[in-house]
Amino acid sequence: MDHYRILQVSRDAEPEVIEKAYKALCMKYHPDRAGESERGRATEAMQRINRAYAVLSDPAARAPYDRTLSAEQRGGGHGWERFMDAGLLGLFRDWYETRPERAP
């Protein structure tokens, strides 16, 4: 799922552009604005829009996501790259940076 495509912005979009696109899509797809027969589809659309905005509006979440997209374009696996960015290596980095200095 491409969050940039969902929010209809380019990959180098500034945070202000992402926020403006998010607000416009919320106005268009909000379930309260949809008819009774379209409410289910509008709810699903809003869930996708909210997930995309949550990632793209947070610089700490956007950077690993962008690296994952770059890896996919190079032929890497989506799930593996995401796990390695935020999973095991992230845990190791946290441990390494916060460990107490050991006396020799």
PDB file of N, CA and C in Angstrom:
ATOM      1  N   MET A   1       0.851  -1.168   0.000  1.00  0.00           N
ATOM      2  CA  MET A   1       0.000   0.000   0.000  1.00  0.00           C
ATOM      3  C   MET A   1       0.901   1.237   0.000  1.00  0.00           C
ATOM      4  N   ASP A   2       0.768   2.078  -0.983  1.00  0.00           N
ATOM      5  CA  ASP A   2       1.584   3.276  -1.123  1.00  0.00           C
ATOM      6  C   ASP A   2       0.871   4.457  -0.482  1.00  0.00           C
ATOM      7  N   HIS A   3       1.413   4.913   0.641  1.00  0.00           N
ATOM      8  CA  HIS A   3       0.785   6.021   1.371  1.00  0.00           C
ATOM      9  C   HIS A   3       0.774   7.314   0.553  1.00  0.00           C
ATOM     10  N   TYR A   4       1.787   7.505  -0.268  1.00  0.00           N
ATOM     11  CA  TYR A   4       1.818   8.696  -1.103  1.00  0.00           C
ATOM     12  C   TYR A   4       0.686   8.675  -2.127  1.00  0.00           C
ATOM     13  N   ARG A   5       0.434   7.504  -2.680  1.00  0.00           N
ATOM     14  CA  ARG A   5      -0.659   7.383  -3.649  1.00  0.00           C
ATOM     15  C   ARG A   5      -2.013   7.605  -2.968  1.00  0.00           C
ATOM     16  N   ILE A   6      -2.161   7.078  -1.762  1.00  0.00           N
ATOM     17  CA  ILE A   6      -3.421   7.241  -1.039  1.00  0.00           C
ATOM     18  C   ILE A   6      -3.718   8.714  -0.796  1.00  0.00           C
ATOM     19  N   LEU A   7      -2.690   9.467  -0.356  1.00  0.00           N
ATOM     20  CA  LEU A   7      -2.899  10.898  -0.085  1.00  0.00           C
ATOM     21  C   LEU A   7      -2.763  11.761  -1.335  1.00  0.00           C
ATOM     22  N   GLN A   8      -2.414  11.151  -2.456  1.00  0.00           N
ATOM     23  CA  GLN A   8      -2.305  11.831  -3.742  1.00  0.00           C
ATOM     24  C   GLN A   8      -1.292  12.970  -3.698  1.00  0.00           C
ATOM     25  N   VAL A   9      -0.115  12.661  -3.139  1.00  0.00           N
ATOM     26  CA  VAL A   9       0.984  13.624  -3.080  1.00  0.00           C
ATOM     27  C   VAL A   9       2.241  12.965  -3.629  1.00  0.00           C
ATOM     28  N   SER A  10       3.223  13.781  -3.974  1.00  0.00           N
ATOM     29  CA  SER A  10       4.490  13.241  -4.469  1.00  0.00           C
ATOM     30  C   SER A  10       5.352  12.779  -3.304  1.00  0.00           C
ATOM     31  N   ARG A  11       6.359  11.998  -3.591  1.00  0.00           N
ATOM     32  CA  ARG A  11       7.219  11.449  -2.539  1.00  0.00           C
ATOM     33  C   ARG A  11       8.081  12.511  -1.878  1.00  0.00           C
ATOM     34  N   ASP A  12       8.261  13.647  -2.529  1.00  0.00           N
ATOM     35  CA  ASP A  12       9.051  14.719  -1.926  1.00  0.00           C
ATOM     36  C   ASP A  12       8.169  15.849  -1.398  1.00  0.00           C
ATOM     37  N   ALA A  13       6.899  15.544  -1.140  1.00  0.00           N
ATOM     38  CA  ALA A  13       5.951  16.551  -0.666  1.00  0.00           C
ATOM     39  C   ALA A  13       6.339  17.074   0.724  1.00  0.00           C
ATOM     40  N   GLU A  14       6.192  18.364   0.886  1.00  0.00           N
ATOM     41  CA  GLU A  14       6.455  19.014   2.176  1.00  0.00           C
ATOM     42  C   GLU A  14       5.334  18.664   3.157  1.00  0.00           C
ATOM     43  N   PRO A  15       5.588  18.766   4.462  1.00  0.00           N
ATOM     44  CA  PRO A  15       4.556  18.441   5.458  1.00  0.00           C
ATOM     45  C   PRO A  15       3.269  19.252   5.286  1.00  0.00           C
ATOM     46  N   GLU A  16       3.388  20.504   4.864  1.00  0.00           N
ATOM     47  CA  GLU A  16       2.197  21.331   4.668  1.00  0.00           C
ATOM     48  C   GLU A  16       1.317  20.796   3.536  1.00  0.00           C
ATOM     49  N   VAL A  17       1.953  20.302   2.491  1.00  0.00           N
ATOM     50  CA  VAL A  17       1.217  19.742   1.349  1.00  0.00           C
ATOM     51  C   VAL A  17       0.520  18.454   1.777  1.00  0.00           C
ATOM     52  N   ILE A  18       1.206  17.634   2.560  1.00  0.00           N
ATOM     53  CA  ILE A  18       0.624  16.384   3.045  1.00  0.00           C
ATOM     54  C   ILE A  18      -0.580  16.672   3.925  1.00  0.00           C
ATOM     55  N   GLU A  19      -0.458  17.654   4.809  1.00  0.00           N
ATOM     56  CA  GLU A  19      -1.576  17.993   5.689  1.00  0.00           C
ATOM     57  C   GLU A  19      -2.770  18.532   4.895  1.00  0.00           C
ATOM     58  N   LYS A  20      -2.507  19.364   3.907  1.00  0.00           N
ATOM     59  CA  LYS A  20      -3.582  19.920   3.084  1.00  0.00           C
ATOM     60  C   LYS A  20      -4.302  18.811   2.307  1.00  0.00           C
ATOM     61  N   ALA A  21      -3.535  17.883   1.748  1.00  0.00           N
ATOM     62  CA  ALA A  21      -4.134  16.761   1.016  1.00  0.00           C
ATOM     63  C   ALA A  21      -4.961  15.892   1.956  1.00  0.00           C
ATOM     64  N   TYR A  22      -4.438  15.659   3.154  1.00  0.00           N
ATOM     65  CA  TYR A  22      -5.159  14.858   4.156  1.00  0.00           C
ATOM     66  C   TYR A  22      -6.505  15.501   4.491  1.00  0.00           C
ATOM     67  N   LYS A  23      -6.494  16.781   4.750  1.00  0.00           N
ATOM     68  CA  LYS A  23      -7.740  17.470   5.108  1.00  0.00           C
ATOM     69  C   LYS A  23      -8.744  17.439   3.965  1.00  0.00           C
ATOM     70  N   ALA A  24      -8.269  17.623   2.750  1.00  0.00           N
ATOM     71  CA  ALA A  24      -9.171  17.584   1.587  1.00  0.00           C
ATOM     72  C   ALA A  24      -9.791  16.200   1.422  1.00  0.00           C
ATOM     73  N   LEU A  25      -8.986  15.150   1.601  1.00  0.00           N
ATOM     74  CA  LEU A  25      -9.517  13.794   1.476  1.00  0.00           C
ATOM     75  C   LEU A  25     -10.467  13.457   2.621  1.00  0.00           C
ATOM     76  N   CYS A  26     -10.206  13.988   3.803  1.00  0.00           N
ATOM     77  CA  CYS A  26     -11.129  13.776   4.930  1.00  0.00           C
ATOM     78  C   CYS A  26     -12.493  14.387   4.622  1.00  0.00           C
ATOM     79  N   MET A  27     -12.472  15.567   4.050  1.00  0.00           N
ATOM     80  CA  MET A  27     -13.739  16.210   3.696  1.00  0.00           C
ATOM     81  C   MET A  27     -14.482  15.401   2.625  1.00  0.00           C
ATOM     82  N   LYS A  28     -13.747  14.811   1.722  1.00  0.00           N
ATOM     83  CA  LYS A  28     -14.365  14.065   0.632  1.00  0.00           C
ATOM     84  C   LYS A  28     -14.887  12.699   1.065  1.00  0.00           C
ATOM     85  N   TYR A  29     -14.138  11.996   1.933  1.00  0.00           N
ATOM     86  CA  TYR A  29     -14.460  10.602   2.244  1.00  0.00           C
ATOM     87  C   TYR A  29     -14.966  10.350   3.660  1.00  0.00           C
ATOM     88  N   HIS A  30     -15.162  11.381   4.444  1.00  0.00           N
ATOM     89  CA  HIS A  30     -15.605  11.154   5.823  1.00  0.00           C
ATOM     90  C   HIS A  30     -16.948  10.414   5.825  1.00  0.00           C
ATOM     91  N   PRO A  31     -17.069   9.368   6.643  1.00  0.00           N
ATOM     92  CA  PRO A  31     -18.307   8.570   6.664  1.00  0.00           C
ATOM     93  C   PRO A  31     -19.562   9.384   7.004  1.00  0.00           C
ATOM     94  N   ASP A  32     -19.419  10.426   7.803  1.00  0.00           N
ATOM     95  CA  ASP A  32     -20.587  11.243   8.139  1.00  0.00           C
ATOM     96  C   ASP A  32     -21.107  12.027   6.939  1.00  0.00           C
ATOM     97  N   ARG A  33     -20.291  12.215   5.946  1.00  0.00           N
ATOM     98  CA  ARG A  33     -20.703  12.946   4.746  1.00  0.00           C
ATOM     99  C   ARG A  33     -21.221  12.007   3.664  1.00  0.00           C
ATOM    100  N   ALA A  34     -21.029  10.710   3.859  1.00  0.00           N
ATOM    101  CA  ALA A  34     -21.459   9.718   2.862  1.00  0.00           C
ATOM    102  C   ALA A  34     -22.901   9.300   3.129  1.00  0.00           C
ATOM    103  N   GLY A  35     -23.535   8.841   2.094  1.00  0.00           N
ATOM    104  CA  GLY A  35     -24.879   8.302   2.244  1.00  0.00           C
ATOM    105  C   GLY A  35     -24.839   6.965   2.957  1.00  0.00           C
ATOM    106  N   GLU A  36     -25.984   6.501   3.371  1.00  0.00           N
ATOM    107  CA  GLU A  36     -26.069   5.242   4.126  1.00  0.00           C
ATOM    108  C   GLU A  36     -25.471   4.074   3.343  1.00  0.00           C
ATOM    109  N   SER A  37     -25.709   4.031   2.039  1.00  0.00           N
ATOM    110  CA  SER A  37     -25.221   2.910   1.239  1.00  0.00           C
ATOM    111  C   SER A  37     -23.703   2.973   1.014  1.00  0.00           C
ATOM    112  N   GLU A  38     -23.113   4.132   1.134  1.00  0.00           N
ATOM    113  CA  GLU A  38     -21.676   4.305   0.893  1.00  0.00           C
ATOM    114  C   GLU A  38     -20.861   4.396   2.178  1.00  0.00           C
ATOM    115  N   ARG A  39     -21.508   4.315   3.320  1.00  0.00           N
ATOM    116  CA  ARG A  39     -20.813   4.526   4.594  1.00  0.00           C
ATOM    117  C   ARG A  39     -19.702   3.509   4.849  1.00  0.00           C
ATOM    118  N   GLY A  40     -19.910   2.259   4.508  1.00  0.00           N
ATOM    119  CA  GLY A  40     -18.895   1.227   4.722  1.00  0.00           C
ATOM    120  C   GLY A  40     -17.642   1.491   3.901  1.00  0.00           C
ATOM    121  N   ARG A  41     -17.823   1.835   2.627  1.00  0.00           N
ATOM    122  CA  ARG A  41     -16.678   2.138   1.771  1.00  0.00           C
ATOM    123  C   ARG A  41     -15.981   3.408   2.221  1.00  0.00           C
ATOM    124  N   ALA A  42     -16.736   4.380   2.683  1.00  0.00           N
ATOM    125  CA  ALA A  42     -16.137   5.624   3.170  1.00  0.00           C
ATOM    126  C   ALA A  42     -15.317   5.364   4.434  1.00  0.00           C
ATOM    127  N   THR A  43     -15.809   4.488   5.293  1.00  0.00           N
ATOM    128  CA  THR A  43     -15.072   4.149   6.512  1.00  0.00           C
ATOM    129  C   THR A  43     -13.746   3.480   6.168  1.00  0.00           C
ATOM    130  N   GLU A  44     -13.758   2.552   5.231  1.00  0.00           N
ATOM    131  CA  GLU A  44     -12.523   1.893   4.801  1.00  0.00           C
ATOM    132  C   GLU A  44     -11.548   2.893   4.190  1.00  0.00           C
ATOM    133  N   ALA A  45     -12.078   3.800   3.374  1.00  0.00           N
ATOM    134  CA  ALA A  45     -11.223   4.822   2.765  1.00  0.00           C
ATOM    135  C   ALA A  45     -10.595   5.707   3.837  1.00  0.00           C
ATOM    136  N   MET A  46     -11.388   6.094   4.834  1.00  0.00           N
ATOM    137  CA  MET A  46     -10.855   6.946   5.900  1.00  0.00           C
ATOM    138  C   MET A  46      -9.800   6.215   6.714  1.00  0.00           C
ATOM    139  N   GLN A  47      -9.959   4.931   6.916  1.00  0.00           N
ATOM    140  CA  GLN A  47      -8.950   4.171   7.649  1.00  0.00           C
ATOM    141  C   GLN A  47      -7.625   4.174   6.888  1.00  0.00           C
ATOM    142  N   ARG A  48      -7.686   3.979   5.568  1.00  0.00           N
ATOM    143  CA  ARG A  48      -6.471   4.020   4.757  1.00  0.00           C
ATOM    144  C   ARG A  48      -5.848   5.418   4.772  1.00  0.00           C
ATOM    145  N   ILE A  49      -6.679   6.440   4.665  1.00  0.00           N
ATOM    146  CA  ILE A  49      -6.203   7.826   4.678  1.00  0.00           C
ATOM    147  C   ILE A  49      -5.549   8.149   6.017  1.00  0.00           C
ATOM    148  N   ASN A  50      -6.170   7.741   7.102  1.00  0.00           N
ATOM    149  CA  ASN A  50      -5.612   8.016   8.431  1.00  0.00           C
ATOM    150  C   ASN A  50      -4.283   7.291   8.645  1.00  0.00           C
ATOM    151  N   ARG A  51      -4.187   6.029   8.188  1.00  0.00           N
ATOM    152  CA  ARG A  51      -2.923   5.304   8.321  1.00  0.00           C
ATOM    153  C   ARG A  51      -1.825   5.990   7.512  1.00  0.00           C
ATOM    154  N   ALA A  52      -2.150   6.379   6.298  1.00  0.00           N
ATOM    155  CA  ALA A  52      -1.161   7.044   5.441  1.00  0.00           C
ATOM    156  C   ALA A  52      -0.700   8.353   6.069  1.00  0.00           C
ATOM    157  N   TYR A  53      -1.636   9.123   6.587  1.00  0.00           N
ATOM    158  CA  TYR A  53      -1.269  10.402   7.195  1.00  0.00           C
ATOM    159  C   TYR A  53      -0.450  10.200   8.464  1.00  0.00           C
ATOM    160  N   ALA A  54      -0.771   9.189   9.239  1.00  0.00           N
ATOM    161  CA  ALA A  54      -0.021   8.917  10.466  1.00  0.00           C
ATOM    162  C   ALA A  54       1.449   8.646  10.150  1.00  0.00           C
ATOM    163  N   VAL A  55       1.712   7.949   9.072  1.00  0.00           N
ATOM    164  CA  VAL A  55       3.094   7.643   8.697  1.00  0.00           C
ATOM    165  C   VAL A  55       3.776   8.863   8.077  1.00  0.00           C
ATOM    166  N   LEU A  56       3.132   9.494   7.122  1.00  0.00           N
ATOM    167  CA  LEU A  56       3.777  10.572   6.375  1.00  0.00           C
ATOM    168  C   LEU A  56       3.891  11.869   7.163  1.00  0.00           C
ATOM    169  N   SER A  57       3.077  12.061   8.170  1.00  0.00           N
ATOM    170  CA  SER A  57       3.144  13.296   8.954  1.00  0.00           C
ATOM    171  C   SER A  57       4.164  13.210  10.089  1.00  0.00           C
ATOM    172  N   ASP A  58       4.654  12.030  10.376  1.00  0.00           N
ATOM    173  CA  ASP A  58       5.620  11.829  11.452  1.00  0.00           C
ATOM    174  C   ASP A  58       6.997  11.557  10.843  1.00  0.00           C
ATOM    175  N   PRO A  59       7.938  12.492  10.982  1.00  0.00           N
ATOM    176  CA  PRO A  59       9.260  12.286  10.369  1.00  0.00           C
ATOM    177  C   PRO A  59       9.947  11.000  10.828  1.00  0.00           C
ATOM    178  N   ALA A  60       9.733  10.595  12.064  1.00  0.00           N
ATOM    179  CA  ALA A  60      10.358   9.370  12.569  1.00  0.00           C
ATOM    180  C   ALA A  60       9.763   8.124  11.918  1.00  0.00           C
ATOM    181  N   ALA A  61       8.527   8.184  11.470  1.00  0.00           N
ATOM    182  CA  ALA A  61       7.897   7.052  10.794  1.00  0.00           C
ATOM    183  C   ALA A  61       8.079   7.140   9.274  1.00  0.00           C
ATOM    184  N   ARG A  62       8.168   8.364   8.760  1.00  0.00           N
ATOM    185  CA  ARG A  62       8.272   8.549   7.317  1.00  0.00           C
ATOM    186  C   ARG A  62       9.630   8.083   6.774  1.00  0.00           C
ATOM    187  N   ALA A  63      10.709   8.338   7.498  1.00  0.00           N
ATOM    188  CA  ALA A  63      12.042   7.979   7.016  1.00  0.00           C
ATOM    189  C   ALA A  63      12.176   6.467   6.783  1.00  0.00           C
ATOM    190  N   PRO A  64      11.816   5.606   7.752  1.00  0.00           N
ATOM    191  CA  PRO A  64      11.898   4.166   7.478  1.00  0.00           C
ATOM    192  C   PRO A  64      10.951   3.731   6.360  1.00  0.00           C
ATOM    193  N   TYR A  65       9.782   4.370   6.299  1.00  0.00           N
ATOM    194  CA  TYR A  65       8.835   4.034   5.231  1.00  0.00           C
ATOM    195  C   TYR A  65       9.439   4.362   3.866  1.00  0.00           C
ATOM    196  N   ASP A  66      10.079   5.525   3.749  1.00  0.00           N
ATOM    197  CA  ASP A  66      10.707   5.894   2.479  1.00  0.00           C
ATOM    198  C   ASP A  66      11.832   4.939   2.124  1.00  0.00           C
ATOM    199  N   ARG A  67      12.619   4.508   3.110  1.00  0.00           N
ATOM    200  CA  ARG A  67      13.677   3.535   2.838  1.00  0.00           C
ATOM    201  C   ARG A  67      13.081   2.213   2.363  1.00  0.00           C
ATOM    202  N   THR A  68      11.957   1.838   2.929  1.00  0.00           N
ATOM    203  CA  THR A  68      11.286   0.608   2.516  1.00  0.00           C
ATOM    204  C   THR A  68      10.831   0.712   1.063  1.00  0.00           C
ATOM    205  N   LEU A  69      10.269   1.847   0.693  1.00  0.00           N
ATOM    206  CA  LEU A  69       9.844   2.037  -0.697  1.00  0.00           C
ATOM    207  C   LEU A  69      11.043   1.988  -1.633  1.00  0.00           C
ATOM    208  N   SER A  70      12.150   2.587  -1.234  1.00  0.00           N
ATOM    209  CA  SER A  70      13.351   2.556  -2.061  1.00  0.00           C
ATOM    210  C   SER A  70      13.850   1.128  -2.231  1.00  0.00           C
ATOM    211  N   ALA A  71      13.804   0.338  -1.171  1.00  0.00           N
ATOM    212  CA  ALA A  71      14.233  -1.057  -1.249  1.00  0.00           C
ATOM    213  C   ALA A  71      13.335  -1.846  -2.186  1.00  0.00           C
ATOM    214  N   GLU A  72      12.037  -1.566  -2.167  1.00  0.00           N
ATOM    215  CA  GLU A  72      11.119  -2.257  -3.066  1.00  0.00           C
ATOM    216  C   GLU A  72      11.452  -1.947  -4.510  1.00  0.00           C
ATOM    217  N   GLN A  73      11.811  -0.706  -4.791  1.00  0.00           N
ATOM    218  CA  GLN A  73      12.159  -0.331  -6.159  1.00  0.00           C
ATOM    219  C   GLN A  73      13.440  -1.024  -6.607  1.00  0.00           C
ATOM    220  N   ARG A  74      14.347  -1.301  -5.657  1.00  0.00           N
ATOM    221  CA  ARG A  74      15.574  -2.023  -5.977  1.00  0.00           C
ATOM    222  C   ARG A  74      15.340  -3.521  -6.034  1.00  0.00           C
ATOM    223  N   GLY A  75      14.150  -3.968  -5.639  1.00  0.00           N
ATOM    224  CA  GLY A  75      13.841  -5.386  -5.680  1.00  0.00           C
ATOM    225  C   GLY A  75      13.876  -6.057  -4.320  1.00  0.00           C
ATOM    226  N   GLY A  76      14.045  -5.299  -3.256  1.00  0.00           N
ATOM    227  CA  GLY A  76      14.064  -5.877  -1.915  1.00  0.00           C
ATOM    228  C   GLY A  76      12.663  -6.205  -1.450  1.00  0.00           C
ATOM    229  N   GLY A  77      12.561  -7.013  -0.415  1.00  0.00           N
ATOM    230  CA  GLY A  77      11.265  -7.406   0.120  1.00  0.00           C
ATOM    231  C   GLY A  77      10.727  -6.376   1.087  1.00  0.00           C
ATOM    232  N   HIS A  78       9.483  -6.054   0.958  1.00  0.00           N
ATOM    233  CA  HIS A  78       8.841  -5.048   1.806  1.00  0.00           C
ATOM    234  C   HIS A  78       8.863  -5.441   3.279  1.00  0.00           C
ATOM    235  N   GLY A  79       8.410  -6.621   3.591  1.00  0.00           N
ATOM    236  CA  GLY A  79       8.326  -7.039   4.983  1.00  0.00           C
ATOM    237  C   GLY A  79       9.694  -7.136   5.642  1.00  0.00           C
ATOM    238  N   TRP A  80      10.664  -7.684   4.942  1.00  0.00           N
ATOM    239  CA  TRP A  80      12.000  -7.850   5.508  1.00  0.00           C
ATOM    240  C   TRP A  80      12.642  -6.490   5.788  1.00  0.00           C
ATOM    241  N   GLU A  81      12.551  -5.563   4.848  1.00  0.00           N
ATOM    242  CA  GLU A  81      13.141  -4.237   5.052  1.00  0.00           C
ATOM    243  C   GLU A  81      12.506  -3.525   6.237  1.00  0.00           C
ATOM    244  N   ARG A  82      11.212  -3.592   6.347  1.00  0.00           N
ATOM    245  CA  ARG A  82      10.534  -2.923   7.466  1.00  0.00           C
ATOM    246  C   ARG A  82      10.951  -3.558   8.790  1.00  0.00           C
ATOM    247  N   PHE A  83      11.050  -4.882   8.828  1.00  0.00           N
ATOM    248  CA  PHE A  83      11.466  -5.543  10.062  1.00  0.00           C
ATOM    249  C   PHE A  83      12.883  -5.125  10.436  1.00  0.00           C
ATOM    250  N   MET A  84      13.762  -5.096   9.454  1.00  0.00           N
ATOM    251  CA  MET A  84      15.151  -4.765   9.747  1.00  0.00           C
ATOM    252  C   MET A  84      15.303  -3.299  10.130  1.00  0.00           C
ATOM    253  N   ASP A  85      14.514  -2.403   9.567  1.00  0.00           N
ATOM    254  CA  ASP A  85      14.594  -0.989   9.935  1.00  0.00           C
ATOM    255  C   ASP A  85      14.114  -0.753  11.357  1.00  0.00           C
ATOM    256  N   ALA A  86      12.961  -1.265  11.682  1.00  0.00           N
ATOM    257  CA  ALA A  86      12.352  -0.939  12.968  1.00  0.00           C
ATOM    258  C   ALA A  86      12.391  -2.098  13.948  1.00  0.00           C
ATOM    259  N   GLY A  87      12.692  -3.273  13.486  1.00  0.00           N
ATOM    260  CA  GLY A  87      12.626  -4.454  14.344  1.00  0.00           C
ATOM    261  C   GLY A  87      13.918  -4.735  15.075  1.00  0.00           C
ATOM    262  N   LEU A  88      14.573  -5.775  14.693  1.00  0.00           N
ATOM    263  CA  LEU A  88      15.755  -6.250  15.392  1.00  0.00           C
ATOM    264  C   LEU A  88      16.866  -5.205  15.448  1.00  0.00           C
ATOM    265  N   LEU A  89      17.165  -4.583  14.316  1.00  0.00           N
ATOM    266  CA  LEU A  89      18.222  -3.571  14.322  1.00  0.00           C
ATOM    267  C   LEU A  89      17.833  -2.360  15.161  1.00  0.00           C
ATOM    268  N   GLY A  90      16.571  -2.002  15.127  1.00  0.00           N
ATOM    269  CA  GLY A  90      16.110  -0.898  15.967  1.00  0.00           C
ATOM    270  C   GLY A  90      16.285  -1.212  17.438  1.00  0.00           C
ATOM    271  N   LEU A  91      15.962  -2.433  17.816  1.00  0.00           N
ATOM    272  CA  LEU A  91      16.163  -2.848  19.205  1.00  0.00           C
ATOM    273  C   LEU A  91      17.643  -2.820  19.574  1.00  0.00           C
ATOM    274  N   PHE A  92      18.484  -3.314  18.675  1.00  0.00           N
ATOM    275  CA  PHE A  92      19.916  -3.308  18.948  1.00  0.00           C
ATOM    276  C   PHE A  92      20.433  -1.882  19.086  1.00  0.00           C
ATOM    277  N   ARG A  93      20.013  -0.992  18.185  1.00  0.00           N
ATOM    278  CA  ARG A  93      20.451   0.408  18.272  1.00  0.00           C
ATOM    279  C   ARG A  93      20.033   1.025  19.599  1.00  0.00           C
ATOM    280  N   ASP A  94      18.790   0.792  20.009  1.00  0.00           N
ATOM    281  CA  ASP A  94      18.314   1.330  21.295  1.00  0.00           C
ATOM    282  C   ASP A  94      19.162   0.808  22.442  1.00  0.00           C
ATOM    283  N   TRP A  95      19.421  -0.494  22.444  1.00  0.00           N
ATOM    284  CA  TRP A  95      20.229  -1.078  23.512  1.00  0.00           C
ATOM    285  C   TRP A  95      21.640  -0.512  23.502  1.00  0.00           C
ATOM    286  N   TYR A  96      22.233  -0.436  22.308  1.00  0.00           N
ATOM    287  CA  TYR A  96      23.626   0.006  22.200  1.00  0.00           C
ATOM    288  C   TYR A  96      23.780   1.460  22.639  1.00  0.00           C
ATOM    289  N   GLU A  97      22.842   2.307  22.265  1.00  0.00           N
ATOM    290  CA  GLU A  97      22.945   3.727  22.583  1.00  0.00           C
ATOM    291  C   GLU A  97      22.638   4.028  24.051  1.00  0.00           C
ATOM    292  N   THR A  98      21.890   3.170  24.719  1.00  0.00           N
ATOM    293  CA  THR A  98      21.520   3.442  26.097  1.00  0.00           C
ATOM    294  C   THR A  98      22.259   2.572  27.109  1.00  0.00           C
ATOM    295  N   ARG A  99      23.133   1.702  26.650  1.00  0.00           N
ATOM    296  CA  ARG A  99      23.818   0.810  27.598  1.00  0.00           C
ATOM    297  C   ARG A  99      24.796   1.610  28.439  1.00  0.00           C
ATOM    298  N   PRO A 100      24.988   1.202  29.681  1.00  0.00           N
ATOM    299  CA  PRO A 100      25.976   1.883  30.526  1.00  0.00           C
ATOM    300  C   PRO A 100      27.391   1.552  30.042  1.00  0.00           C
ATOM    301  N   GLU A 101      28.250   2.497  30.171  1.00  0.00           N
ATOM    302  CA  GLU A 101      29.645   2.265  29.782  1.00  0.00           C
ATOM    303  C   GLU A 101      30.270   1.245  30.739  1.00  0.00           C
ATOM    304  N   ARG A 102      30.946   0.288  30.192  1.00  0.00           N
ATOM    305  CA  ARG A 102      31.566  -0.755  31.018  1.00  0.00           C
ATOM    306  C   ARG A 102      33.012  -0.383  31.301  1.00  0.00           C
ATOM    307  N   ALA A 103      33.411  -0.570  32.532  1.00  0.00           N
ATOM    308  CA  ALA A 103      34.804  -0.308  32.904  1.00  0.00           C
ATOM    309  C   ALA A 103      35.686  -1.422  32.365  1.00  0.00           C
ATOM    310  N   PRO A 104      36.873  -1.100  31.885  1.00  0.00           N
ATOM    311  CA  PRO A 104      37.755  -2.166  31.355  1.00  0.00           C
ATOM    312  C   PRO A 104      38.276  -3.079  32.417  1.00  0.00           C
TER     313      PRO A 104
END
